[in-house]
């Protein structure tokens, strides 16, 4: 079975989150994208401590698709330096992981 990951991406608005999420699922780069609204981020940017309201996307995909996911997010994202980080899925419900695999692009298909 494929090596699955979740990718975290923050976006500046709900509209941007919907646009990114739909594109990734429609293009089969993600099986599912969860949008978590109303997060408050505190970070350092260009020497200043900044605060902003954002939305968090949790993208379920395969490790071998990460470069394509990253490229697509960078193409569609409004930030000059978007957060795009991946974490491994170590274990999971077998039937869910099977479904996840069936929804994604595959070099085997």
PDB file of N, CA and C in Angstrom:
ATOM      1  N   UNK A   1       0.842  -1.190   0.000  1.00  0.00           N
ATOM      2  CA  UNK A   1       0.000   0.000   0.000  1.00  0.00           C
ATOM      3  C   UNK A   1       0.880   1.244   0.000  1.00  0.00           C
ATOM      4  N   UNK A   2       0.373   2.319  -0.543  1.00  0.00           N
ATOM      5  CA  UNK A   2       1.107   3.580  -0.665  1.00  0.00           C
ATOM      6  C   UNK A   2       1.429   4.170   0.702  1.00  0.00           C
ATOM      7  N   UNK A   3       2.426   5.027   0.719  1.00  0.00           N
ATOM      8  CA  UNK A   3       2.775   5.772   1.924  1.00  0.00           C
ATOM      9  C   UNK A   3       1.966   7.063   1.915  1.00  0.00           C
ATOM     10  N   UNK A   4       1.061   7.201   2.873  1.00  0.00           N
ATOM     11  CA  UNK A   4       0.156   8.347   2.926  1.00  0.00           C
ATOM     12  C   UNK A   4       0.708   9.438   3.815  1.00  0.00           C
ATOM     13  N   UNK A   5       0.315  10.682   3.495  1.00  0.00           N
ATOM     14  CA  UNK A   5       0.708  11.844   4.282  1.00  0.00           C
ATOM     15  C   UNK A   5      -0.487  12.771   4.432  1.00  0.00           C
ATOM     16  N   UNK A   6      -0.403  13.659   5.412  1.00  0.00           N
ATOM     17  CA  UNK A   6      -1.296  14.807   5.495  1.00  0.00           C
ATOM     18  C   UNK A   6      -0.432  16.038   5.280  1.00  0.00           C
ATOM     19  N   UNK A   7      -0.950  16.983   4.553  1.00  0.00           N
ATOM     20  CA  UNK A   7      -0.228  18.214   4.255  1.00  0.00           C
ATOM     21  C   UNK A   7      -1.021  19.365   4.861  1.00  0.00           C
ATOM     22  N   UNK A   8      -0.338  20.195   5.642  1.00  0.00           N
ATOM     23  CA  UNK A   8      -0.959  21.388   6.224  1.00  0.00           C
ATOM     24  C   UNK A   8      -0.621  22.594   5.353  1.00  0.00           C
ATOM     25  N   UNK A   9      -1.654  23.362   5.039  1.00  0.00           N
ATOM     26  CA  UNK A   9      -1.498  24.608   4.288  1.00  0.00           C
ATOM     27  C   UNK A   9      -2.409  25.632   4.948  1.00  0.00           C
ATOM     28  N   UNK A  10      -1.874  26.800   5.274  1.00  0.00           N
ATOM     29  CA  UNK A  10      -2.724  27.885   5.760  1.00  0.00           C
ATOM     30  C   UNK A  10      -3.018  28.829   4.605  1.00  0.00           C
ATOM     31  N   UNK A  11      -4.225  29.380   4.617  1.00  0.00           N
ATOM     32  CA  UNK A  11      -4.655  30.321   3.581  1.00  0.00           C
ATOM     33  C   UNK A  11      -5.283  31.533   4.251  1.00  0.00           C
ATOM     34  N   UNK A  12      -5.354  32.626   3.505  1.00  0.00           N
ATOM     35  CA  UNK A  12      -5.820  33.883   4.067  1.00  0.00           C
ATOM     36  C   UNK A  12      -7.315  34.080   4.103  1.00  0.00           C
ATOM     37  N   UNK A  13      -8.078  33.194   3.448  1.00  0.00           N
ATOM     38  CA  UNK A  13      -9.530  33.378   3.425  1.00  0.00           C
ATOM     39  C   UNK A  13     -10.236  32.052   3.143  1.00  0.00           C
ATOM     40  N   UNK A  14     -11.522  32.023   3.465  1.00  0.00           N
ATOM     41  CA  UNK A  14     -12.335  30.845   3.183  1.00  0.00           C
ATOM     42  C   UNK A  14     -12.444  30.614   1.670  1.00  0.00           C
ATOM     43  N   UNK A  15     -12.542  31.692   0.906  1.00  0.00           N
ATOM     44  CA  UNK A  15     -12.646  31.560  -0.549  1.00  0.00           C
ATOM     45  C   UNK A  15     -11.391  30.900  -1.123  1.00  0.00           C
ATOM     46  N   UNK A  16     -10.230  31.325  -0.619  1.00  0.00           N
ATOM     47  CA  UNK A  16      -8.983  30.735  -1.091  1.00  0.00           C
ATOM     48  C   UNK A  16      -8.895  29.268  -0.680  1.00  0.00           C
ATOM     49  N   UNK A  17      -9.334  28.946   0.535  1.00  0.00           N
ATOM     50  CA  UNK A  17      -9.334  27.560   0.995  1.00  0.00           C
ATOM     51  C   UNK A  17     -10.216  26.677   0.139  1.00  0.00           C
ATOM     52  N   UNK A  18     -11.393  27.175  -0.204  1.00  0.00           N
ATOM     53  CA  UNK A  18     -12.309  26.411  -1.059  1.00  0.00           C
ATOM     54  C   UNK A  18     -11.713  26.206  -2.441  1.00  0.00           C
ATOM     55  N   UNK A  19     -11.145  27.251  -3.018  1.00  0.00           N
ATOM     56  CA  UNK A  19     -10.548  27.168  -4.349  1.00  0.00           C
ATOM     57  C   UNK A  19      -9.403  26.148  -4.372  1.00  0.00           C
ATOM     58  N   UNK A  20      -8.502  26.235  -3.399  1.00  0.00           N
ATOM     59  CA  UNK A  20      -7.371  25.298  -3.335  1.00  0.00           C
ATOM     60  C   UNK A  20      -7.848  23.872  -3.103  1.00  0.00           C
ATOM     61  N   UNK A  21      -8.741  23.694  -2.134  1.00  0.00           N
ATOM     62  CA  UNK A  21      -9.240  22.359  -1.808  1.00  0.00           C
ATOM     63  C   UNK A  21      -9.922  21.692  -2.990  1.00  0.00           C
ATOM     64  N   UNK A  22     -10.794  22.423  -3.654  1.00  0.00           N
ATOM     65  CA  UNK A  22     -11.503  21.862  -4.818  1.00  0.00           C
ATOM     66  C   UNK A  22     -10.537  21.497  -5.935  1.00  0.00           C
ATOM     67  N   UNK A  23      -9.574  22.356  -6.204  1.00  0.00           N
ATOM     68  CA  UNK A  23      -8.615  22.082  -7.279  1.00  0.00           C
ATOM     69  C   UNK A  23      -7.836  20.803  -6.989  1.00  0.00           C
ATOM     70  N   UNK A  24      -7.359  20.643  -5.763  1.00  0.00           N
ATOM     71  CA  UNK A  24      -6.560  19.465  -5.421  1.00  0.00           C
ATOM     72  C   UNK A  24      -7.371  18.177  -5.504  1.00  0.00           C
ATOM     73  N   UNK A  25      -8.622  18.213  -5.070  1.00  0.00           N
ATOM     74  CA  UNK A  25      -9.466  17.012  -5.144  1.00  0.00           C
ATOM     75  C   UNK A  25      -9.884  16.742  -6.594  1.00  0.00           C
ATOM     76  N   UNK A  26     -10.285  17.776  -7.316  1.00  0.00           N
ATOM     77  CA  UNK A  26     -10.688  17.580  -8.711  1.00  0.00           C
ATOM     78  C   UNK A  26      -9.542  17.019  -9.558  1.00  0.00           C
ATOM     79  N   UNK A  27      -8.313  17.428  -9.250  1.00  0.00           N
ATOM     80  CA  UNK A  27      -7.149  16.965 -10.008  1.00  0.00           C
ATOM     81  C   UNK A  27      -6.572  15.652  -9.459  1.00  0.00           C
ATOM     82  N   UNK A  28      -7.239  15.083  -8.456  1.00  0.00           N
ATOM     83  CA  UNK A  28      -6.862  13.807  -7.834  1.00  0.00           C
ATOM     84  C   UNK A  28      -5.480  13.852  -7.182  1.00  0.00           C
ATOM     85  N   UNK A  29      -5.071  15.052  -6.775  1.00  0.00           N
ATOM     86  CA  UNK A  29      -3.840  15.194  -6.003  1.00  0.00           C
ATOM     87  C   UNK A  29      -4.112  15.014  -4.517  1.00  0.00           C
ATOM     88  N   UNK A  30      -5.369  15.152  -4.130  1.00  0.00           N
ATOM     89  CA  UNK A  30      -5.814  14.937  -2.748  1.00  0.00           C
ATOM     90  C   UNK A  30      -7.085  14.107  -2.783  1.00  0.00           C
ATOM     91  N   UNK A  31      -7.211  13.197  -1.828  1.00  0.00           N
ATOM     92  CA  UNK A  31      -8.449  12.428  -1.703  1.00  0.00           C
ATOM     93  C   UNK A  31      -9.499  13.239  -0.955  1.00  0.00           C
ATOM     94  N   UNK A  32      -9.026  14.052  -0.023  1.00  0.00           N
ATOM     95  CA  UNK A  32      -9.924  14.840   0.825  1.00  0.00           C
ATOM     96  C   UNK A  32      -9.136  16.040   1.345  1.00  0.00           C
ATOM     97  N   UNK A  33      -9.817  17.177   1.454  1.00  0.00           N
ATOM     98  CA  UNK A  33      -9.230  18.361   2.067  1.00  0.00           C
ATOM     99  C   UNK A  33     -10.201  18.859   3.123  1.00  0.00           C
ATOM    100  N   UNK A  34      -9.743  18.891   4.368  1.00  0.00           N
ATOM    101  CA  UNK A  34     -10.540  19.471   5.449  1.00  0.00           C
ATOM    102  C   UNK A  34     -10.167  20.939   5.582  1.00  0.00           C
ATOM    103  N   UNK A  35     -11.188  21.781   5.708  1.00  0.00           N
ATOM    104  CA  UNK A  35     -10.974  23.214   5.900  1.00  0.00           C
ATOM    105  C   UNK A  35     -11.371  23.565   7.318  1.00  0.00           C
ATOM    106  N   UNK A  36     -10.414  24.061   8.078  1.00  0.00           N
ATOM    107  CA  UNK A  36     -10.670  24.472   9.454  1.00  0.00           C
ATOM    108  C   UNK A  36     -10.565  25.991   9.496  1.00  0.00           C
ATOM    109  N   UNK A  37     -11.695  26.621   9.742  1.00  0.00           N
ATOM    110  CA  UNK A  37     -11.747  28.072   9.708  1.00  0.00           C
ATOM    111  C   UNK A  37     -11.409  28.716  11.032  1.00  0.00           C
ATOM    112  N   UNK A  38     -11.251  30.006  10.952  1.00  0.00           N
ATOM    113  CA  UNK A  38     -11.066  30.862  12.126  1.00  0.00           C
ATOM    114  C   UNK A  38      -9.904  30.432  13.016  1.00  0.00           C
ATOM    115  N   UNK A  39      -8.742  30.243  12.419  1.00  0.00           N
ATOM    116  CA  UNK A  39      -7.559  30.063  13.248  1.00  0.00           C
ATOM    117  C   UNK A  39      -6.849  31.404  13.320  1.00  0.00           C
ATOM    118  N   UNK A  40      -6.143  31.630  14.406  1.00  0.00           N
ATOM    119  CA  UNK A  40      -5.417  32.878  14.608  1.00  0.00           C
ATOM    120  C   UNK A  40      -3.936  32.550  14.626  1.00  0.00           C
ATOM    121  N   UNK A  41      -3.183  33.133  13.710  1.00  0.00           N
ATOM    122  CA  UNK A  41      -1.755  32.843  13.593  1.00  0.00           C
ATOM    123  C   UNK A  41      -0.926  34.023  14.079  1.00  0.00           C
ATOM    124  N   UNK A  42       0.130  33.707  14.821  1.00  0.00           N
ATOM    125  CA  UNK A  42       1.116  34.685  15.272  1.00  0.00           C
ATOM    126  C   UNK A  42       2.454  34.212  14.738  1.00  0.00           C
ATOM    127  N   UNK A  43       3.157  35.066  14.021  1.00  0.00           N
ATOM    128  CA  UNK A  43       4.385  34.656  13.346  1.00  0.00           C
ATOM    129  C   UNK A  43       5.275  35.870  13.115  1.00  0.00           C
ATOM    130  N   UNK A  44       6.522  35.602  12.829  1.00  0.00           N
ATOM    131  CA  UNK A  44       7.459  36.666  12.487  1.00  0.00           C
ATOM    132  C   UNK A  44       7.559  36.735  10.964  1.00  0.00           C
ATOM    133  N   UNK A  45       7.407  37.946  10.413  1.00  0.00           N
ATOM    134  CA  UNK A  45       7.501  38.141   8.969  1.00  0.00           C
ATOM    135  C   UNK A  45       8.207  39.463   8.704  1.00  0.00           C
ATOM    136  N   UNK A  46       9.276  39.398   7.948  1.00  0.00           N
ATOM    137  CA  UNK A  46      10.070  40.559   7.571  1.00  0.00           C
ATOM    138  C   UNK A  46      10.451  41.407   8.782  1.00  0.00           C
ATOM    139  N   UNK A  47      10.897  40.704   9.851  1.00  0.00           N
ATOM    140  CA  UNK A  47      11.404  41.370  11.044  1.00  0.00           C
ATOM    141  C   UNK A  47      10.363  41.842  12.038  1.00  0.00           C
ATOM    142  N   UNK A  48       9.096  41.626  11.742  1.00  0.00           N
ATOM    143  CA  UNK A  48       8.018  42.073  12.629  1.00  0.00           C
ATOM    144  C   UNK A  48       7.186  40.890  13.088  1.00  0.00           C
ATOM    145  N   UNK A  49       6.672  40.969  14.306  1.00  0.00           N
ATOM    146  CA  UNK A  49       5.718  39.968  14.774  1.00  0.00           C
ATOM    147  C   UNK A  49       4.347  40.372  14.242  1.00  0.00           C
ATOM    148  N   UNK A  50       3.733  39.443  13.520  1.00  0.00           N
ATOM    149  CA  UNK A  50       2.450  39.698  12.869  1.00  0.00           C
ATOM    150  C   UNK A  50       1.384  38.775  13.450  1.00  0.00           C
ATOM    151  N   UNK A  51       0.138  39.168  13.298  1.00  0.00           N
ATOM    152  CA  UNK A  51      -1.001  38.332  13.663  1.00  0.00           C
ATOM    153  C   UNK A  51      -2.016  38.410  12.531  1.00  0.00           C
ATOM    154  N   UNK A  52      -2.641  37.257  12.237  1.00  0.00           N
ATOM    155  CA  UNK A  52      -3.662  37.264  11.192  1.00  0.00           C
ATOM    156  C   UNK A  52      -4.649  36.128  11.409  1.00  0.00           C
ATOM    157  N   UNK A  53      -5.826  36.311  10.844  1.00  0.00           N
ATOM    158  CA  UNK A  53      -6.826  35.254  10.817  1.00  0.00           C
ATOM    159  C   UNK A  53      -6.604  34.461   9.538  1.00  0.00           C
ATOM    160  N   UNK A  54      -6.624  33.147   9.655  1.00  0.00           N
ATOM    161  CA  UNK A  54      -6.392  32.279   8.516  1.00  0.00           C
ATOM    162  C   UNK A  54      -7.328  31.088   8.585  1.00  0.00           C
ATOM    163  N   UNK A  55      -7.254  30.268   7.568  1.00  0.00           N
ATOM    164  CA  UNK A  55      -7.940  28.992   7.516  1.00  0.00           C
ATOM    165  C   UNK A  55      -6.867  27.934   7.314  1.00  0.00           C
ATOM    166  N   UNK A  56      -7.025  26.781   7.966  1.00  0.00           N
ATOM    167  CA  UNK A  56      -6.068  25.685   7.840  1.00  0.00           C
ATOM    168  C   UNK A  56      -6.657  24.599   6.956  1.00  0.00           C
ATOM    169  N   UNK A  57      -5.890  24.175   5.952  1.00  0.00           N
ATOM    170  CA  UNK A  57      -6.280  23.048   5.114  1.00  0.00           C
ATOM    171  C   UNK A  57      -5.493  21.826   5.558  1.00  0.00           C
ATOM    172  N   UNK A  58      -6.184  20.707   5.726  1.00  0.00           N
ATOM    173  CA  UNK A  58      -5.551  19.425   6.007  1.00  0.00           C
ATOM    174  C   UNK A  58      -5.817  18.547   4.792  1.00  0.00           C
ATOM    175  N   UNK A  59      -4.762  18.283   4.059  1.00  0.00           N
ATOM    176  CA  UNK A  59      -4.852  17.622   2.758  1.00  0.00           C
ATOM    177  C   UNK A  59      -4.375  16.182   2.901  1.00  0.00           C
ATOM    178  N   UNK A  60      -5.213  15.215   2.535  1.00  0.00           N
ATOM    179  CA  UNK A  60      -4.826  13.800   2.589  1.00  0.00           C
ATOM    180  C   UNK A  60      -4.389  13.350   1.209  1.00  0.00           C
ATOM    181  N   UNK A  61      -3.152  12.823   1.131  1.00  0.00           N
ATOM    182  CA  UNK A  61      -2.588  12.432  -0.146  1.00  0.00           C
ATOM    183  C   UNK A  61      -1.519  11.367   0.064  1.00  0.00           C
ATOM    184  N   UNK A  62      -0.767  11.084  -0.987  1.00  0.00           N
ATOM    185  CA  UNK A  62       0.332  10.123  -0.917  1.00  0.00           C
ATOM    186  C   UNK A  62       1.665  10.869  -1.002  1.00  0.00           C
ATOM    187  N   UNK A  63       2.669  10.296  -0.388  1.00  0.00           N
ATOM    188  CA  UNK A  63       3.979  10.938  -0.388  1.00  0.00           C
ATOM    189  C   UNK A  63       4.501  11.161  -1.807  1.00  0.00           C
ATOM    190  N   UNK A  64       4.265  10.216  -2.701  1.00  0.00           N
ATOM    191  CA  UNK A  64       4.800  10.376  -4.060  1.00  0.00           C
ATOM    192  C   UNK A  64       4.077  11.468  -4.859  1.00  0.00           C
ATOM    193  N   UNK A  65       2.996  12.026  -4.311  1.00  0.00           N
ATOM    194  CA  UNK A  65       2.304  13.152  -4.951  1.00  0.00           C
ATOM    195  C   UNK A  65       2.674  14.497  -4.314  1.00  0.00           C
ATOM    196  N   UNK A  66       3.493  14.480  -3.265  1.00  0.00           N
ATOM    197  CA  UNK A  66       3.775  15.716  -2.528  1.00  0.00           C
ATOM    198  C   UNK A  66       4.325  16.821  -3.426  1.00  0.00           C
ATOM    199  N   UNK A  67       5.287  16.525  -4.272  1.00  0.00           N
ATOM    200  CA  UNK A  67       5.867  17.575  -5.121  1.00  0.00           C
ATOM    201  C   UNK A  67       4.819  18.213  -6.020  1.00  0.00           C
ATOM    202  N   UNK A  68       3.891  17.416  -6.536  1.00  0.00           N
ATOM    203  CA  UNK A  68       2.823  17.950  -7.386  1.00  0.00           C
ATOM    204  C   UNK A  68       1.835  18.776  -6.572  1.00  0.00           C
ATOM    205  N   UNK A  69       1.517  18.313  -5.351  1.00  0.00           N
ATOM    206  CA  UNK A  69       0.638  19.084  -4.465  1.00  0.00           C
ATOM    207  C   UNK A  69       1.302  20.424  -4.149  1.00  0.00           C
ATOM    208  N   UNK A  70       2.573  20.379  -3.767  1.00  0.00           N
ATOM    209  CA  UNK A  70       3.294  21.611  -3.421  1.00  0.00           C
ATOM    210  C   UNK A  70       3.307  22.585  -4.598  1.00  0.00           C
ATOM    211  N   UNK A  71       3.589  22.086  -5.790  1.00  0.00           N
ATOM    212  CA  UNK A  71       3.621  22.943  -6.968  1.00  0.00           C
ATOM    213  C   UNK A  71       2.260  23.582  -7.225  1.00  0.00           C
ATOM    214  N   UNK A  72       1.207  22.776  -7.111  1.00  0.00           N
ATOM    215  CA  UNK A  72      -0.140  23.296  -7.386  1.00  0.00           C
ATOM    216  C   UNK A  72      -0.554  24.333  -6.344  1.00  0.00           C
ATOM    217  N   UNK A  73      -0.237  24.070  -5.072  1.00  0.00           N
ATOM    218  CA  UNK A  73      -0.548  25.047  -4.023  1.00  0.00           C
ATOM    219  C   UNK A  73       0.193  26.350  -4.306  1.00  0.00           C
ATOM    220  N   UNK A  74       1.465  26.271  -4.660  1.00  0.00           N
ATOM    221  CA  UNK A  74       2.233  27.478  -4.941  1.00  0.00           C
ATOM    222  C   UNK A  74       1.658  28.249  -6.128  1.00  0.00           C
ATOM    223  N   UNK A  75       1.136  27.542  -7.119  1.00  0.00           N
ATOM    224  CA  UNK A  75       0.530  28.198  -8.283  1.00  0.00           C
ATOM    225  C   UNK A  75      -0.749  28.946  -7.912  1.00  0.00           C
ATOM    226  N   UNK A  76      -1.533  28.392  -6.991  1.00  0.00           N
ATOM    227  CA  UNK A  76      -2.845  28.950  -6.674  1.00  0.00           C
ATOM    228  C   UNK A  76      -2.852  29.865  -5.443  1.00  0.00           C
ATOM    229  N   UNK A  77      -1.818  29.812  -4.631  1.00  0.00           N
ATOM    230  CA  UNK A  77      -1.807  30.487  -3.328  1.00  0.00           C
ATOM    231  C   UNK A  77      -1.526  31.973  -3.461  1.00  0.00           C
ATOM    232  N   UNK A  78      -2.139  32.768  -2.588  1.00  0.00           N
ATOM    233  CA  UNK A  78      -1.947  34.221  -2.614  1.00  0.00           C
ATOM    234  C   UNK A  78      -0.678  34.657  -1.862  1.00  0.00           C
ATOM    235  N   UNK A  79      -0.137  33.807  -0.979  1.00  0.00           N
ATOM    236  CA  UNK A  79       1.045  34.190  -0.211  1.00  0.00           C
ATOM    237  C   UNK A  79       2.309  33.988  -1.041  1.00  0.00           C
ATOM    238  N   UNK A  80       3.300  34.833  -0.831  1.00  0.00           N
ATOM    239  CA  UNK A  80       4.588  34.644  -1.509  1.00  0.00           C
ATOM    240  C   UNK A  80       5.362  33.465  -0.918  1.00  0.00           C
ATOM    241  N   UNK A  81       5.127  33.162   0.365  1.00  0.00           N
ATOM    242  CA  UNK A  81       5.772  32.024   1.030  1.00  0.00           C
ATOM    243  C   UNK A  81       4.700  31.233   1.786  1.00  0.00           C
ATOM    244  N   UNK A  82       3.934  30.392   1.078  1.00  0.00           N
ATOM    245  CA  UNK A  82       2.877  29.640   1.762  1.00  0.00           C
ATOM    246  C   UNK A  82       3.435  28.520   2.637  1.00  0.00           C
ATOM    247  N   UNK A  83       2.741  28.270   3.738  1.00  0.00           N
ATOM    248  CA  UNK A  83       3.063  27.106   4.567  1.00  0.00           C
ATOM    249  C   UNK A  83       2.598  25.861   3.822  1.00  0.00           C
ATOM    250  N   UNK A  84       3.517  24.954   3.579  1.00  0.00           N
ATOM    251  CA  UNK A  84       3.189  23.668   2.962  1.00  0.00           C
ATOM    252  C   UNK A  84       4.075  22.648   3.661  1.00  0.00           C
ATOM    253  N   UNK A  85       3.511  21.943   4.649  1.00  0.00           N
ATOM    254  CA  UNK A  85       4.301  20.961   5.386  1.00  0.00           C
ATOM    255  C   UNK A  85       3.575  19.628   5.398  1.00  0.00           C
ATOM    256  N   UNK A  86       4.353  18.553   5.334  1.00  0.00           N
ATOM    257  CA  UNK A  86       3.770  17.210   5.265  1.00  0.00           C
ATOM    258  C   UNK A  86       4.151  16.410   6.509  1.00  0.00           C
ATOM    259  N   UNK A  87       3.193  15.631   6.974  1.00  0.00           N
ATOM    260  CA  UNK A  87       3.394  14.727   8.110  1.00  0.00           C
ATOM    261  C   UNK A  87       2.973  13.327   7.678  1.00  0.00           C
ATOM    262  N   UNK A  88       3.705  12.306   8.101  1.00  0.00           N
ATOM    263  CA  UNK A  88       3.342  10.945   7.700  1.00  0.00           C
ATOM    264  C   UNK A  88       2.091  10.462   8.432  1.00  0.00           C
ATOM    265  N   UNK A  89       1.322   9.630   7.762  1.00  0.00           N
ATOM    266  CA  UNK A  89       0.238   8.893   8.408  1.00  0.00           C
ATOM    267  C   UNK A  89       0.840   7.531   8.754  1.00  0.00           C
ATOM    268  N   UNK A  90       1.048   7.290  10.023  1.00  0.00           N
ATOM    269  CA  UNK A  90       1.728   6.067  10.457  1.00  0.00           C
ATOM    270  C   UNK A  90       0.811   4.859  10.502  1.00  0.00           C
ATOM    271  N   UNK A  91      -0.417   5.068  10.887  1.00  0.00           N
ATOM    272  CA  UNK A  91      -1.404   4.000  10.995  1.00  0.00           C
ATOM    273  C   UNK A  91      -2.762   4.564  10.619  1.00  0.00           C
ATOM    274  N   UNK A  92      -3.711   3.684  10.316  1.00  0.00           N
ATOM    275  CA  UNK A  92      -5.045   4.153  10.005  1.00  0.00           C
ATOM    276  C   UNK A  92      -6.005   3.008   9.780  1.00  0.00           C
ATOM    277  N   UNK A  93      -7.264   3.365   9.677  1.00  0.00           N
ATOM    278  CA  UNK A  93      -8.324   2.414   9.373  1.00  0.00           C
ATOM    279  C   UNK A  93      -8.049   1.862   7.973  1.00  0.00           C
ATOM    280  N   UNK A  94      -7.881   0.554   7.866  1.00  0.00           N
ATOM    281  CA  UNK A  94      -7.519  -0.062   6.582  1.00  0.00           C
ATOM    282  C   UNK A  94      -8.493   0.285   5.465  1.00  0.00           C
ATOM    283  N   UNK A  95      -9.785   0.259   5.762  1.00  0.00           N
ATOM    284  CA  UNK A  95     -10.756   0.553   4.701  1.00  0.00           C
ATOM    285  C   UNK A  95     -10.689   2.027   4.295  1.00  0.00           C
ATOM    286  N   UNK A  96     -10.410   2.929   5.236  1.00  0.00           N
ATOM    287  CA  UNK A  96     -10.249   4.349   4.890  1.00  0.00           C
ATOM    288  C   UNK A  96      -8.998   4.542   4.026  1.00  0.00           C
ATOM    289  N   UNK A  97      -7.904   3.915   4.402  1.00  0.00           N
ATOM    290  CA  UNK A  97      -6.671   4.051   3.628  1.00  0.00           C
ATOM    291  C   UNK A  97      -6.830   3.474   2.226  1.00  0.00           C
ATOM    292  N   UNK A  98      -7.595   2.395   2.103  1.00  0.00           N
ATOM    293  CA  UNK A  98      -7.873   1.823   0.785  1.00  0.00           C
ATOM    294  C   UNK A  98      -8.670   2.822  -0.052  1.00  0.00           C
ATOM    295  N   UNK A  99      -9.706   3.429   0.561  1.00  0.00           N
ATOM    296  CA  UNK A  99     -10.497   4.445  -0.138  1.00  0.00           C
ATOM    297  C   UNK A  99      -9.609   5.612  -0.553  1.00  0.00           C
ATOM    298  N   UNK A 100      -8.763   6.075   0.366  1.00  0.00           N
ATOM    299  CA  UNK A 100      -7.860   7.182   0.080  1.00  0.00           C
ATOM    300  C   UNK A 100      -7.013   6.865  -1.148  1.00  0.00           C
ATOM    301  N   UNK A 101      -6.437   5.682  -1.186  1.00  0.00           N
ATOM    302  CA  UNK A 101      -5.592   5.256  -2.296  1.00  0.00           C
ATOM    303  C   UNK A 101      -6.365   5.255  -3.619  1.00  0.00           C
ATOM    304  N   UNK A 102      -7.617   4.817  -3.580  1.00  0.00           N
ATOM    305  CA  UNK A 102      -8.435   4.734  -4.794  1.00  0.00           C
ATOM    306  C   UNK A 102      -8.791   6.105  -5.368  1.00  0.00           C
ATOM    307  N   UNK A 103      -8.753   7.152  -4.545  1.00  0.00           N
ATOM    308  CA  UNK A 103      -9.157   8.489  -4.979  1.00  0.00           C
ATOM    309  C   UNK A 103      -8.024   9.275  -5.622  1.00  0.00           C
ATOM    310  N   UNK A 104      -6.800   8.809  -5.482  1.00  0.00           N
ATOM    311  CA  UNK A 104      -5.627   9.578  -5.884  1.00  0.00           C
ATOM    312  C   UNK A 104      -5.016   9.101  -7.187  1.00  0.00           C
ATOM    313  N   UNK A 105      -4.317  10.010  -7.843  1.00  0.00           N
ATOM    314  CA  UNK A 105      -3.535   9.637  -9.018  1.00  0.00           C
ATOM    315  C   UNK A 105      -2.567   8.541  -8.620  1.00  0.00           C
ATOM    316  N   UNK A 106      -2.258   7.670  -9.539  1.00  0.00           N
ATOM    317  CA  UNK A 106      -1.321   6.589  -9.240  1.00  0.00           C
ATOM    318  C   UNK A 106      -0.477   6.314 -10.466  1.00  0.00           C
ATOM    319  N   UNK A 107       0.785   6.027 -10.230  1.00  0.00           N
ATOM    320  CA  UNK A 107       1.668   5.644 -11.334  1.00  0.00           C
ATOM    321  C   UNK A 107       1.326   4.236 -11.813  1.00  0.00           C
ATOM    322  N   UNK A 108       0.542   3.489 -11.006  1.00  0.00           N
ATOM    323  CA  UNK A 108       0.146   2.128 -11.373  1.00  0.00           C
ATOM    324  C   UNK A 108      -1.060   2.112 -12.291  1.00  0.00           C
ATOM    325  N   UNK A 109      -1.792   3.210 -12.405  1.00  0.00           N
ATOM    326  CA  UNK A 109      -3.007   3.236 -13.228  1.00  0.00           C
ATOM    327  C   UNK A 109      -2.742   3.744 -14.601  1.00  0.00           C
TER     328      UNK A 109
END
